Amino acid sequence: MPASVDLSGLRRQIERLGKTQKAAEQAVKRARGTLARRIVVEARRDIQTEYTLPANRITAGLFTRNNGDAVELTGVGRGVGLINFKGSGGTRRAPVRVQVKTAGAAVVYDNNYFRAKGLNGNRQIFERLPEKRRMTQGNYKGKVRNVIRSTYGPSVAQMLRRPGRSGRLADTAQTILRDEIDRLGR
């Protein structure tokens, strides 16, 4: 469910200040643009306090949409690969260690987890499953091998849905709008 901030109060406030209808519409449009641009950064900062993801990976999973007099912040629902989180190991001798949350300890995975390039060329952490099947692609095409699958952590949408985050972002959005109203009202 996307977080939404209503801008209809801003429209009434500007009209009360005696601005013309056209100037009021322009001010609302500018405030909406400022909020849409800045709320993504604030959400990213809030998520980074809890998760060990780089800023560009979080920002890639957030987008805003102007919906009438509201600005909606939405997160992408696809899981984030474990390789994007803080971690080490995954070579022949060292086990994979991944720290998803900043407050938590790193999780050590057994020898069935490893880092490698997938068929699409992207590096990922894979899990080797016990069942076997005949390979249809890659270097081992036609041979019977263990099935592997890439591993994922929480999605940006799940991170955005954490308890308390929507309230903090709504308060931040109201502060951004208040400051923008003051700036545009001068």
C-alpha atoms as a PDB file:
ATOM      1  CA  MET A   1       0.000   0.000   0.000  1.00  0.00           C
ATOM      2  CA  PRO A   2       1.627   3.283  -1.046  1.00  0.00           C
ATOM      3  CA  ALA A   3       2.073   6.115   1.439  1.00  0.00           C
ATOM      4  CA  SER A   4       0.125   9.215   0.395  1.00  0.00           C
ATOM      5  CA  VAL A   5       0.278  12.892   1.406  1.00  0.00           C
ATOM      6  CA  ASP A   6      -2.656  15.191   0.696  1.00  0.00           C
ATOM      7  CA  LEU A   7      -1.839  18.652  -0.707  1.00  0.00           C
ATOM      8  CA  SER A   8      -5.353  20.158  -0.708  1.00  0.00           C
ATOM      9  CA  GLY A   9      -4.576  22.164   2.455  1.00  0.00           C
ATOM     10  CA  LEU A  10      -1.684  23.842   0.647  1.00  0.00           C
ATOM     11  CA  ARG A  11      -4.056  24.938  -2.118  1.00  0.00           C
ATOM     12  CA  ARG A  12      -6.470  26.501   0.402  1.00  0.00           C
ATOM     13  CA  GLN A  13      -3.621  28.212   2.270  1.00  0.00           C
ATOM     14  CA  ILE A  14      -2.240  29.851  -0.880  1.00  0.00           C
ATOM     15  CA  GLU A  15      -5.701  30.980  -1.998  1.00  0.00           C
ATOM     16  CA  ARG A  16      -6.199  32.562   1.453  1.00  0.00           C
ATOM     17  CA  LEU A  17      -3.020  34.540   1.015  1.00  0.00           C
ATOM     18  CA  GLY A  18      -4.685  36.391  -1.839  1.00  0.00           C
ATOM     19  CA  LYS A  19      -2.787  34.807  -4.672  1.00  0.00           C
ATOM     20  CA  THR A  20      -4.473  34.485  -8.015  1.00  0.00           C
ATOM     21  CA  GLN A  21      -5.833  31.117  -9.063  1.00  0.00           C
ATOM     22  CA  LYS A  22      -3.030  30.653 -11.576  1.00  0.00           C
ATOM     23  CA  ALA A  23      -0.347  31.505  -9.009  1.00  0.00           C
ATOM     24  CA  ALA A  24      -1.963  29.150  -6.502  1.00  0.00           C
ATOM     25  CA  GLU A  25      -1.959  26.301  -9.015  1.00  0.00           C
ATOM     26  CA  GLN A  26       1.686  26.981  -9.837  1.00  0.00           C
ATOM     27  CA  ALA A  27       2.622  26.991  -6.140  1.00  0.00           C
ATOM     28  CA  VAL A  28       0.823  23.678  -5.559  1.00  0.00           C
ATOM     29  CA  LYS A  29       2.567  22.164  -8.579  1.00  0.00           C
ATOM     30  CA  ARG A  30       5.973  23.308  -7.306  1.00  0.00           C
ATOM     31  CA  ALA A  31       5.299  22.044  -3.790  1.00  0.00           C
ATOM     32  CA  ARG A  32       4.199  18.678  -5.171  1.00  0.00           C
ATOM     33  CA  GLY A  33       7.377  18.420  -7.259  1.00  0.00           C
ATOM     34  CA  THR A  34       9.581  19.343  -4.313  1.00  0.00           C
ATOM     35  CA  LEU A  35       7.874  16.797  -2.085  1.00  0.00           C
ATOM     36  CA  ALA A  36       8.081  14.057  -4.729  1.00  0.00           C
ATOM     37  CA  ARG A  37      11.792  14.693  -5.170  1.00  0.00           C
ATOM     38  CA  ARG A  38      12.714  14.971  -1.490  1.00  0.00           C
ATOM     39  CA  ILE A  39      10.551  12.222   0.034  1.00  0.00           C
ATOM     40  CA  VAL A  40      12.488   9.540  -1.878  1.00  0.00           C
ATOM     41  CA  VAL A  41      15.734  10.732  -0.279  1.00  0.00           C
ATOM     42  CA  GLU A  42      14.165  10.819   3.185  1.00  0.00           C
ATOM     43  CA  ALA A  43      12.734   7.308   2.740  1.00  0.00           C
ATOM     44  CA  ARG A  44      16.114   6.033   1.582  1.00  0.00           C
ATOM     45  CA  ARG A  45      17.838   7.545   4.630  1.00  0.00           C
ATOM     46  CA  ASP A  46      15.256   6.003   6.938  1.00  0.00           C
ATOM     47  CA  ILE A  47      15.643   2.561   5.327  1.00  0.00           C
ATOM     48  CA  GLN A  48      19.446   2.776   5.515  1.00  0.00           C
ATOM     49  CA  THR A  49      19.281   3.178   9.297  1.00  0.00           C
ATOM     50  CA  GLU A  50      17.891  -0.378   9.489  1.00  0.00           C
ATOM     51  CA  TYR A  51      19.287  -2.238   6.437  1.00  0.00           C
ATOM     52  CA  THR A  52      22.827  -2.584   5.049  1.00  0.00           C
ATOM     53  CA  LEU A  53      21.992  -1.716   1.440  1.00  0.00           C
ATOM     54  CA  PRO A  54      23.802   0.924  -0.608  1.00  0.00           C
ATOM     55  CA  ALA A  55      21.896   4.129  -1.331  1.00  0.00           C
ATOM     56  CA  ASN A  56      21.634   3.588  -5.086  1.00  0.00           C
ATOM     57  CA  ARG A  57      20.034   0.139  -4.638  1.00  0.00           C
ATOM     58  CA  ILE A  58      17.357   1.521  -2.294  1.00  0.00           C
ATOM     59  CA  THR A  59      16.680   4.538  -4.511  1.00  0.00           C
ATOM     60  CA  ALA A  60      16.270   2.239  -7.530  1.00  0.00           C
ATOM     61  CA  GLY A  61      13.436   0.507  -5.672  1.00  0.00           C
ATOM     62  CA  LEU A  62      11.516   3.678  -4.711  1.00  0.00           C
ATOM     63  CA  PHE A  63       9.333   5.844  -6.906  1.00  0.00           C
ATOM     64  CA  THR A  64       6.726   8.573  -6.461  1.00  0.00           C
ATOM     65  CA  ARG A  65       3.514   9.257  -8.305  1.00  0.00           C
ATOM     66  CA  ASN A  66       1.434  12.430  -8.339  1.00  0.00           C
ATOM     67  CA  ASN A  67      -2.193  11.457  -7.811  1.00  0.00           C
ATOM     68  CA  GLY A  68      -4.371  14.568  -7.929  1.00  0.00           C
ATOM     69  CA  ASP A  69      -3.509  16.581  -4.833  1.00  0.00           C
ATOM     70  CA  ALA A  70      -1.513  13.716  -3.327  1.00  0.00           C
ATOM     71  CA  VAL A  71       2.006  12.381  -3.703  1.00  0.00           C
ATOM     72  CA  GLU A  72       2.372   8.608  -3.322  1.00  0.00           C
ATOM     73  CA  LEU A  73       5.631   6.903  -2.394  1.00  0.00           C
ATOM     74  CA  THR A  74       5.827   3.260  -3.508  1.00  0.00           C
ATOM     75  CA  GLY A  75       8.464   0.558  -3.169  1.00  0.00           C
ATOM     76  CA  VAL A  76       9.221  -2.156  -5.705  1.00  0.00           C
ATOM     77  CA  GLY A  77       8.014  -5.573  -4.544  1.00  0.00           C
ATOM     78  CA  ARG A  78      10.771  -7.680  -6.095  1.00  0.00           C
ATOM     79  CA  GLY A  79      13.258  -9.103  -3.590  1.00  0.00           C
ATOM     80  CA  VAL A  80      16.752  -7.676  -3.333  1.00  0.00           C
ATOM     81  CA  GLY A  81      19.523 -10.197  -4.003  1.00  0.00           C
ATOM     82  CA  LEU A  82      21.586 -11.123  -0.952  1.00  0.00           C
ATOM     83  CA  ILE A  83      24.737 -10.081  -2.797  1.00  0.00           C
ATOM     84  CA  ASN A  84      23.594  -6.432  -2.502  1.00  0.00           C
ATOM     85  CA  PHE A  85      23.723  -6.538   1.303  1.00  0.00           C
ATOM     86  CA  LYS A  86      26.901  -6.271   3.358  1.00  0.00           C
ATOM     87  CA  GLY A  87      28.680  -9.597   3.234  1.00  0.00           C
ATOM     88  CA  SER A  88      31.785 -11.620   2.568  1.00  0.00           C
ATOM     89  CA  GLY A  89      32.954 -15.116   1.694  1.00  0.00           C
ATOM     90  CA  GLY A  90      31.420 -17.458  -0.810  1.00  0.00           C
ATOM     91  CA  THR A  91      34.717 -18.642  -2.207  1.00  0.00           C
ATOM     92  CA  ARG A  92      35.992 -22.222  -2.105  1.00  0.00           C
ATOM     93  CA  ARG A  93      37.092 -22.108   1.524  1.00  0.00           C
ATOM     94  CA  ALA A  94      35.193 -19.237   3.125  1.00  0.00           C
ATOM     95  CA  PRO A  95      31.461 -19.639   3.847  1.00  0.00           C
ATOM     96  CA  VAL A  96      29.007 -16.943   2.753  1.00  0.00           C
ATOM     97  CA  ARG A  97      28.346 -14.345   5.480  1.00  0.00           C
ATOM     98  CA  VAL A  98      25.591 -11.765   4.931  1.00  0.00           C
ATOM     99  CA  GLN A  99      24.426  -9.001   7.266  1.00  0.00           C
ATOM    100  CA  VAL A 100      20.970  -7.810   6.192  1.00  0.00           C
ATOM    101  CA  LYS A 101      20.132  -5.538   9.147  1.00  0.00           C
ATOM    102  CA  THR A 102      22.532  -3.019  10.647  1.00  0.00           C
ATOM    103  CA  ALA A 103      21.665  -4.015  14.226  1.00  0.00           C
ATOM    104  CA  GLY A 104      21.875  -7.763  13.612  1.00  0.00           C
ATOM    105  CA  ALA A 105      24.846 -10.049  13.298  1.00  0.00           C
ATOM    106  CA  ALA A 106      25.934 -11.520   9.994  1.00  0.00           C
ATOM    107  CA  VAL A 107      24.297 -14.827   9.104  1.00  0.00           C
ATOM    108  CA  VAL A 108      26.738 -17.573   8.137  1.00  0.00           C
ATOM    109  CA  TYR A 109      25.398 -19.884   5.424  1.00  0.00           C
ATOM    110  CA  ASP A 110      26.597 -23.449   4.931  1.00  0.00           C
ATOM    111  CA  ASN A 111      28.694 -24.757   2.040  1.00  0.00           C
ATOM    112  CA  ASN A 112      25.639 -25.089  -0.222  1.00  0.00           C
ATOM    113  CA  TYR A 113      25.712 -21.285  -0.731  1.00  0.00           C
ATOM    114  CA  PHE A 114      28.245 -19.631  -3.023  1.00  0.00           C
ATOM    115  CA  ARG A 115      28.888 -16.478  -5.072  1.00  0.00           C
ATOM    116  CA  ALA A 116      28.983 -16.817  -8.852  1.00  0.00           C
ATOM    117  CA  LYS A 117      27.844 -15.288 -12.132  1.00  0.00           C
ATOM    118  CA  GLY A 118      24.452 -16.453 -13.307  1.00  0.00           C
ATOM    119  CA  LEU A 119      23.487 -17.283 -16.876  1.00  0.00           C
ATOM    120  CA  ASN A 120      22.624 -13.619 -17.414  1.00  0.00           C
ATOM    121  CA  GLY A 121      26.118 -12.519 -16.317  1.00  0.00           C
ATOM    122  CA  ASN A 122      25.067 -10.909 -13.020  1.00  0.00           C
ATOM    123  CA  ARG A 123      26.871 -11.851  -9.827  1.00  0.00           C
ATOM    124  CA  GLN A 124      24.581 -13.391  -7.240  1.00  0.00           C
ATOM    125  CA  ILE A 125      24.602 -15.641  -4.185  1.00  0.00           C
ATOM    126  CA  PHE A 126      23.255 -19.049  -5.142  1.00  0.00           C
ATOM    127  CA  GLU A 127      22.005 -21.990  -3.118  1.00  0.00           C
ATOM    128  CA  ARG A 128      22.753 -25.533  -4.290  1.00  0.00           C
ATOM    129  CA  LEU A 129      19.630 -27.679  -3.779  1.00  0.00           C
ATOM    130  CA  PRO A 130      19.775 -31.452  -3.201  1.00  0.00           C
ATOM    131  CA  GLU A 131      17.575 -32.443  -6.168  1.00  0.00           C
ATOM    132  CA  LYS A 132      19.163 -33.028  -9.551  1.00  0.00           C
ATOM    133  CA  ARG A 133      17.941 -32.344 -13.082  1.00  0.00           C
ATOM    134  CA  ARG A 134      19.233 -32.265 -16.622  1.00  0.00           C
ATOM    135  CA  MET A 135      20.630 -28.822 -17.446  1.00  0.00           C
ATOM    136  CA  THR A 136      19.077 -27.003 -20.418  1.00  0.00           C
ATOM    137  CA  GLN A 137      21.425 -23.984 -20.578  1.00  0.00           C
ATOM    138  CA  GLY A 138      24.992 -22.960 -19.780  1.00  0.00           C
ATOM    139  CA  ASN A 139      28.260 -24.866 -19.661  1.00  0.00           C
ATOM    140  CA  TYR A 140      26.658 -28.045 -18.341  1.00  0.00           C
ATOM    141  CA  LYS A 141      23.859 -28.274 -20.916  1.00  0.00           C
ATOM    142  CA  GLY A 142      22.655 -31.881 -21.229  1.00  0.00           C
ATOM    143  CA  LYS A 143      24.368 -33.082 -18.022  1.00  0.00           C
ATOM    144  CA  VAL A 144      22.574 -34.030 -14.784  1.00  0.00           C
ATOM    145  CA  ARG A 145      23.524 -31.522 -12.057  1.00  0.00           C
ATOM    146  CA  ASN A 146      22.235 -30.155  -8.777  1.00  0.00           C
ATOM    147  CA  VAL A 147      19.616 -27.433  -9.108  1.00  0.00           C
ATOM    148  CA  ILE A 148      20.767 -23.991  -7.999  1.00  0.00           C
ATOM    149  CA  ARG A 149      18.687 -20.918  -7.248  1.00  0.00           C
ATOM    150  CA  SER A 150      19.564 -17.350  -6.418  1.00  0.00           C
ATOM    151  CA  THR A 151      18.797 -16.102  -2.917  1.00  0.00           C
ATOM    152  CA  TYR A 152      16.981 -12.922  -1.991  1.00  0.00           C
ATOM    153  CA  GLY A 153      16.468 -10.749   1.049  1.00  0.00           C
ATOM    154  CA  PRO A 154      13.521  -8.436   1.745  1.00  0.00           C
ATOM    155  CA  SER A 155      12.175  -6.191  -1.008  1.00  0.00           C
ATOM    156  CA  VAL A 156      12.238  -2.392  -0.843  1.00  0.00           C
ATOM    157  CA  ALA A 157       8.438  -2.489  -0.489  1.00  0.00           C
ATOM    158  CA  GLN A 158       8.778  -4.689   2.608  1.00  0.00           C
ATOM    159  CA  MET A 159      11.413  -2.337   4.007  1.00  0.00           C
ATOM    160  CA  LEU A 160       9.077   0.610   3.402  1.00  0.00           C
ATOM    161  CA  ARG A 161       6.242  -1.222   5.201  1.00  0.00           C
ATOM    162  CA  ARG A 162       8.149  -1.698   8.460  1.00  0.00           C
ATOM    163  CA  PRO A 163       6.252  -0.511  11.570  1.00  0.00           C
ATOM    164  CA  GLY A 164       6.632   3.186  12.299  1.00  0.00           C
ATOM    165  CA  ARG A 165       8.261   4.071   8.982  1.00  0.00           C
ATOM    166  CA  SER A 166       5.104   5.409   7.298  1.00  0.00           C
ATOM    167  CA  GLY A 167       4.415   7.668  10.298  1.00  0.00           C
ATOM    168  CA  ARG A 168       7.949   9.053  10.262  1.00  0.00           C
ATOM    169  CA  LEU A 169       7.776   9.652   6.517  1.00  0.00           C
ATOM    170  CA  ALA A 170       4.368  11.347   6.826  1.00  0.00           C
ATOM    171  CA  ASP A 171       5.772  13.681   9.509  1.00  0.00           C
ATOM    172  CA  THR A 172       8.779  14.424   7.306  1.00  0.00           C
ATOM    173  CA  ALA A 173       6.493  15.099   4.338  1.00  0.00           C
ATOM    174  CA  GLN A 174       4.432  17.534   6.399  1.00  0.00           C
ATOM    175  CA  THR A 175       7.627  19.339   7.439  1.00  0.00           C
ATOM    176  CA  ILE A 176       8.771  19.534   3.815  1.00  0.00           C
ATOM    177  CA  LEU A 177       5.382  20.947   2.790  1.00  0.00           C
ATOM    178  CA  ARG A 178       5.355  23.469   5.659  1.00  0.00           C
ATOM    179  CA  ASP A 179       8.804  24.736   4.684  1.00  0.00           C
ATOM    180  CA  GLU A 180       7.801  24.874   1.023  1.00  0.00           C
ATOM    181  CA  ILE A 181       4.638  26.846   1.869  1.00  0.00           C
ATOM    182  CA  ASP A 182       6.743  29.342   3.822  1.00  0.00           C
ATOM    183  CA  ARG A 183       9.182  29.650   0.949  1.00  0.00           C
ATOM    184  CA  LEU A 184       6.508  30.064  -1.724  1.00  0.00           C
ATOM    185  CA  GLY A 185       4.443  32.454   0.402  1.00  0.00           C
ATOM    186  CA  ARG A 186       7.209  35.045   0.545  1.00  0.00           C
END
